[in-house]
Amino acid sequence: MRKKAGIGLAVVLVLAVAGFVLLSGTSSGPAGPAPTAKALGTAPAKETTLRNVTDRTITYKVYPVRHPESLQTREIAPNAIDRYRTAETLAVEFSTGEKDVVYSLEPGKPYSFRHDQGSAIDLFLGAHGRADAVDLAPYVPTPSIVVDRMLELARLTRTDVLYDIGCGDGRIVIAAARKYGARGVGIDIDKKMVETSDRNARTAGVGSLVRFICMDATKADVSPATVVTLYLLPESNALLRPLLEKQLRAGARVVSHNYMIAGWEKKQSRSVTIKDENGTDHTVYVYVR
C-alpha cells in the first residue's frame, strides 16, 4: 500500500521562520557546523529528517528558502539520518546522477534519499524519521480497483490468511475479509495508520476477522500467511525477501503492487497491468513461494 512519492519542485512559503539547526549528521567543505539563525517569527520549530537508504554516500546542499546565505554542503552516509530543527521550508540541492535538482522540504516531515530507476537517486517523502526502524516506503493508498485485482490474482478464499506489509489504512486486509471472508493481519510502523485501520475495520463490520499491528515489518513473524501483499519499493522488497523465503510455507502467494521482487524471477507466476480511474497504469506481480 506504499510507493514512492515525488517531492514537488515548487517552494512552499511560510510566514514565520525559526532556527535552522542540524541536530545530527556530518558536513563537508568549508561550511563547518550548522549555524543557528535568529528566530524571525513565532511558529514552533519542527524536526525535518533526511534519511539515506541507498548504498552510497550522498553530497547535498541545504538551506532555508528565505535564508540562502545559510547554504551548507553536507555528506550523508548510507543508513544515516540528518535531522534539522526548523520552522522554515528547507531547500535541498543534489545530483540524481542524471540531472541536478532542487526540492523543498516541509518542516516536520521525513524524507529519504532512495534509488529511483536504474542507478539514479532521488528524494522521496518518507514514512517516518525513526532511527530504530527501517523506512520501507511512504504512505500512498492503493486504488480500490487495484486492491480488487490484487485479491483476485492471489486467488483468495475464506480459508486464506492474508498479511499486508505496510498496510496503511487497512484497505487490502479489510477488502479481503469483507469480500472473501478471509482472515487478515496488517502491519505498519505508523501508530496513527494502525489506529485508522482498526476504525475502518470496525466500520466495515470485519473487526473479528482482522487485526493490525504497529511494528517494524522487518522483525515481523509472517509464517501464518498464505498470502502476503506488498506496496513498497524495490529496495524494501529486496530487504524483506529473506524474511519471506525463510518464513512462508510452500505454495504461499506474494502479490506486489508496482514493484518486482528481485531474485524471484523464477517464482513469478504472472504480472498484470491495470488502469485506475485516472488512467494511470499499475502493474501487479504475483509470486508463488
Protein backbone atom coordinates (compact mmCIF):
# COMPACT_ATOMS: atom_id res chain seq x y z
CA MET A 1 0.00 0.00 0.00
CA ARG A 2 3.01 2.22 -0.21
CA LYS A 3 5.01 3.59 -3.05
CA LYS A 4 7.44 6.30 -3.89
CA ALA A 5 6.09 9.84 -3.70
CA GLY A 6 7.92 12.56 -5.60
CA ILE A 7 8.52 15.87 -3.86
CA GLY A 8 7.17 18.96 -5.56
CA LEU A 9 9.66 21.40 -7.03
CA ALA A 10 7.64 24.43 -6.01
CA VAL A 11 8.87 26.12 -2.86
CA VAL A 12 6.26 26.28 -0.13
CA LEU A 13 6.46 29.64 1.56
CA VAL A 14 5.89 30.03 5.29
CA LEU A 15 5.17 33.21 7.15
CA ALA A 16 7.09 32.50 10.32
CA VAL A 17 10.74 31.43 10.47
CA ALA A 18 12.57 29.90 13.38
CA GLY A 19 16.07 28.47 13.88
CA PHE A 20 17.85 26.29 11.31
CA VAL A 21 19.73 23.74 13.39
CA LEU A 22 21.35 20.49 12.31
CA LEU A 23 20.83 18.01 15.12
CA SER A 24 22.93 15.20 13.64
CA GLY A 25 24.99 14.37 10.58
CA THR A 26 28.33 15.17 9.02
CA SER A 27 29.41 18.15 6.98
CA SER A 28 31.81 18.58 4.10
CA GLY A 29 33.58 21.59 2.65
CA PRO A 30 34.14 24.86 4.44
CA ALA A 31 30.65 25.22 5.86
CA GLY A 32 31.51 23.61 9.17
CA PRO A 33 28.89 23.26 11.91
CA ALA A 34 25.34 24.26 11.02
CA PRO A 35 24.50 27.81 12.14
CA THR A 36 21.52 28.74 14.24
CA ALA A 37 19.52 31.51 12.62
CA LYS A 38 17.82 34.14 14.73
CA ALA A 39 14.14 33.41 15.16
CA LEU A 40 12.04 35.70 12.98
CA GLY A 41 8.59 34.55 14.00
CA THR A 42 6.53 32.60 16.49
CA ALA A 43 5.93 29.37 14.58
CA PRO A 44 7.24 26.34 16.51
CA ALA A 45 10.32 24.61 15.13
CA LYS A 46 9.81 21.04 13.92
CA GLU A 47 12.23 18.24 13.19
CA THR A 48 12.74 17.58 9.48
CA THR A 49 14.62 14.37 8.76
CA LEU A 50 16.71 13.26 5.78
CA ARG A 51 17.48 9.53 5.63
CA ASN A 52 19.87 7.86 3.19
CA VAL A 53 18.60 4.39 2.34
CA THR A 54 20.95 3.95 -0.63
CA ASP A 55 24.29 2.15 -0.63
CA ARG A 56 26.38 5.25 -1.33
CA THR A 57 27.38 8.47 0.38
CA ILE A 58 25.36 11.40 -0.98
CA THR A 59 26.52 15.01 -1.15
CA TYR A 60 23.80 17.65 -0.97
CA LYS A 61 23.31 21.35 -0.28
CA VAL A 62 20.73 22.57 2.19
CA TYR A 63 19.48 26.00 3.26
CA PRO A 64 16.31 27.73 4.48
CA VAL A 65 14.48 29.03 1.43
CA ARG A 66 14.31 32.53 2.90
CA HIS A 67 17.94 32.46 4.00
CA PRO A 68 20.00 31.12 1.08
CA GLU A 69 23.07 32.73 2.61
CA SER A 70 22.99 29.89 5.17
CA LEU A 71 23.72 27.30 2.47
CA GLN A 72 25.78 24.33 3.56
CA THR A 73 27.24 21.40 1.67
CA ARG A 74 26.83 18.16 3.55
CA GLU A 75 27.50 14.45 3.14
CA ILE A 76 25.21 11.74 4.40
CA ALA A 77 26.45 8.17 4.67
CA PRO A 78 24.39 5.06 3.85
CA ASN A 79 21.79 4.31 6.55
CA ALA A 80 22.43 7.68 8.24
CA ILE A 81 19.82 10.28 9.20
CA ASP A 82 20.32 14.06 9.22
CA ARG A 83 17.90 15.92 11.47
CA TYR A 84 17.10 19.62 11.12
CA ARG A 85 15.22 21.59 13.75
CA THR A 86 13.46 24.36 11.85
CA ALA A 87 10.14 26.11 11.26
CA GLU A 88 11.08 27.13 7.73
CA THR A 89 10.87 25.23 4.49
CA LEU A 90 14.30 23.91 3.57
CA ALA A 91 15.72 23.79 0.05
CA VAL A 92 17.82 20.74 -0.85
CA GLU A 93 20.03 20.62 -3.94
CA PHE A 94 21.76 17.46 -5.20
CA SER A 95 22.52 15.44 -8.30
CA THR A 96 20.42 12.38 -9.06
CA GLY A 97 23.27 11.06 -11.20
CA GLU A 98 21.37 12.14 -14.28
CA LYS A 99 20.45 15.76 -13.52
CA ASP A 100 20.70 18.43 -10.83
CA VAL A 101 17.50 19.04 -8.85
CA VAL A 102 16.23 21.40 -6.16
CA TYR A 103 13.45 20.25 -3.83
CA SER A 104 11.63 21.92 -0.96
CA LEU A 105 11.15 20.14 2.37
CA GLU A 106 8.18 20.90 4.56
CA PRO A 107 9.03 21.38 8.26
CA GLY A 108 8.34 18.35 10.41
CA LYS A 109 8.24 15.83 7.56
CA PRO A 110 10.54 12.81 6.98
CA TYR A 111 12.33 12.45 3.65
CA SER A 112 14.54 9.73 2.19
CA PHE A 113 17.21 9.54 -0.49
CA ARG A 114 16.35 6.41 -2.46
CA HIS A 115 17.10 4.76 -5.77
CA ASP A 116 14.57 5.78 -8.38
CA GLN A 117 15.10 3.94 -11.66
CA GLY A 118 18.34 2.22 -12.53
CA SER A 119 21.21 3.87 -10.70
CA ALA A 120 19.52 7.27 -10.33
CA ILE A 121 18.95 8.63 -6.82
CA ASP A 122 16.04 10.86 -5.89
CA LEU A 123 14.44 12.31 -2.77
CA PHE A 124 11.10 10.99 -1.58
CA LEU A 125 8.65 11.68 1.18
CA GLY A 126 9.30 9.06 3.85
CA ALA A 127 7.11 7.23 6.33
CA HIS A 128 8.99 8.23 9.47
CA GLY A 129 12.26 9.58 10.75
CA ARG A 130 12.97 6.94 13.37
CA ALA A 131 16.49 5.64 13.85
CA ASP A 132 15.32 2.31 15.31
CA ALA A 133 13.28 1.09 12.34
CA VAL A 134 13.64 0.80 8.59
CA ASP A 135 11.63 3.23 6.48
CA LEU A 136 10.19 0.87 3.86
CA ALA A 137 8.15 3.43 1.90
CA PRO A 138 5.92 6.48 2.26
CA TYR A 139 2.17 6.01 2.58
CA VAL A 140 0.22 6.26 -0.66
CA PRO A 141 -3.10 4.38 -0.79
CA THR A 142 -3.66 1.68 -3.38
CA PRO A 143 -6.61 2.49 -5.68
CA SER A 144 -9.65 0.32 -4.96
CA ILE A 145 -9.66 -1.17 -8.45
CA VAL A 146 -6.07 -2.32 -7.92
CA VAL A 147 -6.91 -3.74 -4.47
CA ASP A 148 -9.70 -5.82 -6.00
CA ARG A 149 -7.45 -7.12 -8.78
CA MET A 150 -4.64 -7.97 -6.34
CA LEU A 151 -7.01 -10.15 -4.34
CA GLU A 152 -8.37 -11.80 -7.48
CA LEU A 153 -4.85 -12.57 -8.72
CA ALA A 154 -4.00 -14.04 -5.30
CA ARG A 155 -6.94 -16.42 -5.78
CA LEU A 156 -8.05 -15.58 -2.28
CA THR A 157 -10.56 -17.81 -0.44
CA ARG A 158 -12.10 -17.75 3.01
CA THR A 159 -9.53 -20.31 4.18
CA ASP A 160 -6.60 -17.94 3.47
CA VAL A 161 -4.70 -15.78 5.94
CA LEU A 162 -3.54 -12.55 4.33
CA TYR A 163 -0.71 -10.38 5.69
CA ASP A 164 -0.35 -6.87 4.29
CA ILE A 165 3.09 -5.38 5.00
CA GLY A 166 2.82 -1.60 5.13
CA CYS A 167 -0.95 -1.76 5.49
CA GLY A 168 -1.63 1.98 5.64
CA ASP A 169 -5.36 2.49 6.25
CA GLY A 170 -6.01 -1.25 6.15
CA ARG A 171 -7.92 -1.33 2.89
CA ILE A 172 -6.39 -4.53 1.48
CA VAL A 173 -6.89 -6.53 4.67
CA ILE A 174 -10.42 -5.17 5.10
CA ALA A 175 -11.36 -5.90 1.48
CA ALA A 176 -10.08 -9.47 1.85
CA ALA A 177 -12.25 -10.00 4.92
CA ARG A 178 -15.34 -8.26 3.54
CA LYS A 179 -15.35 -9.81 0.06
CA TYR A 180 -13.85 -13.23 0.70
CA GLY A 181 -14.28 -13.86 4.42
CA ALA A 182 -10.51 -14.30 4.76
CA ARG A 183 -8.68 -13.56 7.96
CA GLY A 184 -6.02 -10.88 7.76
CA VAL A 185 -3.23 -9.07 9.55
CA GLY A 186 -1.97 -5.61 8.67
CA ILE A 187 1.49 -4.43 9.75
CA ASP A 188 2.54 -0.79 9.78
CA ILE A 189 5.21 1.25 11.58
CA ASP A 190 2.87 4.26 11.88
CA LYS A 191 0.70 4.08 15.02
CA LYS A 192 -1.83 6.54 13.60
CA MET A 193 -2.30 4.41 10.49
CA VAL A 194 -2.84 1.32 12.65
CA GLU A 195 -5.48 3.20 14.67
CA THR A 196 -7.13 4.29 11.41
CA SER A 197 -7.12 0.69 10.17
CA ASP A 198 -8.79 -0.51 13.36
CA ARG A 199 -11.53 2.10 12.98
CA ASN A 200 -12.05 1.27 9.32
CA ALA A 201 -12.33 -2.45 10.11
CA ARG A 202 -14.99 -1.81 12.76
CA THR A 203 -16.91 0.42 10.38
CA ALA A 204 -16.77 -2.30 7.70
CA GLY A 205 -18.02 -4.87 10.20
CA VAL A 206 -14.98 -7.16 9.88
CA GLY A 207 -13.25 -6.43 13.19
CA SER A 208 -13.49 -10.08 14.24
CA LEU A 209 -11.60 -11.26 11.15
CA VAL A 210 -8.70 -8.83 11.09
CA ARG A 211 -6.09 -7.27 13.33
CA PHE A 212 -3.47 -4.60 12.87
CA ILE A 213 -0.01 -4.47 14.44
CA CYS A 214 2.23 -1.44 14.88
CA MET A 215 5.81 -2.64 14.42
CA ASP A 216 8.89 -2.74 12.22
CA ALA A 217 7.87 -5.14 9.46
CA THR A 218 11.44 -6.41 9.07
CA LYS A 219 11.04 -8.03 12.51
CA ALA A 220 7.59 -9.49 11.91
CA ASP A 221 6.50 -13.14 12.01
CA VAL A 222 4.52 -13.73 8.81
CA SER A 223 4.72 -17.53 8.93
CA PRO A 224 0.91 -17.96 9.32
CA ALA A 225 0.34 -16.17 5.99
CA THR A 226 -0.87 -17.97 2.90
CA VAL A 227 -0.98 -14.65 1.03
CA VAL A 228 1.27 -11.60 1.50
CA THR A 229 0.57 -8.27 -0.19
CA LEU A 230 3.15 -5.52 -0.71
CA TYR A 231 3.14 -1.94 -1.93
CA LEU A 232 6.66 -0.94 -1.07
CA LEU A 233 9.79 0.00 -3.05
CA PRO A 234 12.35 -2.17 -4.88
CA GLU A 235 14.97 -1.97 -2.12
CA SER A 236 12.31 -2.67 0.50
CA ASN A 237 11.12 -5.75 -1.37
CA ALA A 238 14.75 -6.90 -1.57
CA LEU A 239 15.16 -6.29 2.17
CA LEU A 240 12.08 -8.37 3.01
CA ARG A 241 12.85 -11.19 0.58
CA PRO A 242 14.99 -13.25 3.03
CA LEU A 243 12.25 -12.98 5.66
CA LEU A 244 9.63 -14.18 3.17
CA GLU A 245 11.86 -17.00 1.95
CA LYS A 246 12.51 -18.17 5.49
CA GLN A 247 9.01 -17.91 6.92
CA LEU A 248 6.48 -18.56 4.17
CA ARG A 249 5.26 -22.06 3.56
CA ALA A 250 5.38 -23.71 0.14
CA GLY A 251 2.52 -22.54 -2.05
CA ALA A 252 2.10 -19.17 -0.34
CA ARG A 253 1.37 -16.33 -2.75
CA VAL A 254 3.07 -12.95 -2.66
CA VAL A 255 1.35 -10.13 -4.55
CA SER A 256 3.37 -6.95 -5.11
CA HIS A 257 1.96 -3.70 -6.42
CA ASN A 258 4.12 -1.84 -8.98
CA TYR A 259 7.50 -3.27 -7.94
CA MET A 260 9.09 -6.62 -8.70
CA ILE A 261 10.94 -8.74 -6.16
CA ALA A 262 14.49 -9.03 -7.47
CA GLY A 263 15.79 -12.60 -7.39
CA TRP A 264 12.31 -14.11 -7.56
CA GLU A 265 12.02 -14.15 -11.34
CA LYS A 266 11.52 -17.93 -11.38
CA LYS A 267 8.83 -17.66 -8.72
CA GLN A 268 6.80 -15.11 -10.69
CA SER A 269 3.62 -16.71 -11.99
CA ARG A 270 2.19 -13.69 -13.76
CA SER A 271 2.01 -9.92 -13.98
CA VAL A 272 -0.96 -7.77 -14.95
CA THR A 273 -1.28 -4.08 -15.79
CA ILE A 274 -4.36 -2.26 -14.53
CA LYS A 275 -5.59 1.26 -15.24
CA ASP A 276 -7.02 3.22 -12.33
CA GLU A 277 -9.84 5.75 -12.54
CA ASN A 278 -7.37 8.43 -13.63
CA GLY A 279 -5.94 6.33 -16.43
CA THR A 280 -2.67 5.61 -14.59
CA ASP A 281 -1.13 2.19 -15.17
CA HIS A 282 -0.44 -0.06 -12.18
CA THR A 283 1.40 -3.36 -12.50
CA VAL A 284 0.69 -6.25 -10.15
CA TYR A 285 3.24 -9.07 -9.81
CA VAL A 286 2.23 -12.48 -8.44
CA TYR A 287 4.76 -14.90 -6.95
CA VAL A 288 4.32 -18.42 -5.61
CA ARG A 289 6.67 -19.48 -2.81
